[in-house]
Amino acid sequence: MRKVAGLITGGTVALSLLASCGGGAGGGASGSDVLRGTLLAPDGKTPIAGATVYVPGASSVSGFSIASSGCEEPPEPYTVYTCTGPDGSFTLDVSLLSGTITLKFKKGSFQKTLTINLGFSAGSLGSVTLPSNPDQGAPRMAVVTGSYDRMEDILAKLGFGNLNPWGQLELGTETFDLYDGNYSLPDAEYRDFPEIFNDNDGDSKPDIYNYDIVFINCGSSYEDLLNDPEKVNILRDYVFSGGKLYVTDWSYDFVEQVFPEYIDFWGSDLTPETDPENMQEAQVGDAGISTNAEVLDSTLRDWLKVVSCVDSLGNPIDCIDPATERVHIEGFLGGWAVMNGAHTSKAGDVKFWVRGDVSWYGGSGVKPLTVTFKHGAGKVLYTSYHTEASYLSGAGLLPQERILQYLVFF
């Protein structure tokens, strides 16, 4: 087996041959012809599954032996690419390359670039950690606080901030912008949610366009913003122009009122697909229920098998049941928003991630619980469940919180 050493200095990785004995076993690139590593979130622990790892170039080179599947094709011309596995690991064939190359990593809005000096051999990069700072390539993110969800804690547990002893974001350490959506943040330090629709930096555009991803937590106190057609149009154009909107539970009207043609939320069957239902009409879900939900995406399902989870008491548990491959979801709020499915005309743009057997006012059955859809160059995510506040779980994550964490990279 060949052994190699890697040296990382200023974003450059120099790989050199230390020893050699024997060769690889039949077919495919030998150990000296590949780059291996593991892509992790900024916390240095959470694996990034389904990421694209590639060498940009004018055109692809024939003869590479490692196939690519399970991730998006690179967004620019490339020489070769591969995908990270559920545990974040990757193997990239560089047998036809030499000298210094550029190696790029991309998953959703997250990316990283390394300069690799192959020298006389390829080898192991070890752990490659995505940056947490927008100045170093992390996406620009804004989080709107809510009364019943804390996506800011999910981001902090990914390494985009520090945690206090109870597993919550320590204010002031976040590498994203927090907006006060429920009168919970110090006025002197944080702006209110409506400010994101104003042009505070003088670039002739609302500030929302400064962000790659905007999270709107469940329980916003500013749903009246949706009564303003101008703000609805701003949200719609923000996504169409490439932004991503991540919305949870009771804040569903930031999806329904802005993008009514995609998701069939609970409501009147007589309402045209392109018209929104009345606000809050879909909030008919029963309180306190739980479900063992089906995970519909195979990469997410496999990823849940390799990460760790805790229950609400902080005890270690499997994130996904190894026998049934289902995920336990709990803590539904009374009046959680119920989805029926995708509207027919947009079914091809909608992806369902999780569905489960649930109940609502006057009925029960299997309903989608997590969904994404494309709108123009951007995407929208909506989930009917949310994080579960528990001081006992600390820095750990419940299974449903792991799903929400995975989908930060949608």
Foldseek 3Di string as FASTA:
>chain_A
DWAWDWDADPQEIEIDTDDDDDWDPDFADIQFFKEKEFEAFQVLQAGFFQKKKFFADPAADPDHRDDADRHDDDPHHGHWIHTAALRRMDITGRNVDAAKTKMKIAFAQFIAIGIYGQHPTHHYPYYDYTDLAVVRGGFAEEEEDADFFAVVLLVVLSPQAPADQLSHGDPPGGNYAYAYFDPPDDVVPHHHPVQQQPDPPPPPGRNVLSGQEYEYEAHGPPPCVLVDVVVLVNLQVSQQVRHEYEYEWLVCCNCQSNPQLWFAWDDDPPDDSRHGHPRLRQQFFAFWDKWFKAFDDPRLLSSQQPDWAAPLQQHTDRLAPPVPSTGIDTGQHRRTGFTAGTRPVQNVFKDAGMWTWGAGVPGTGIGGAWMKGHRNNGMYIYGSGHADRHSNNHSGGGSVSVVVSSVVSD
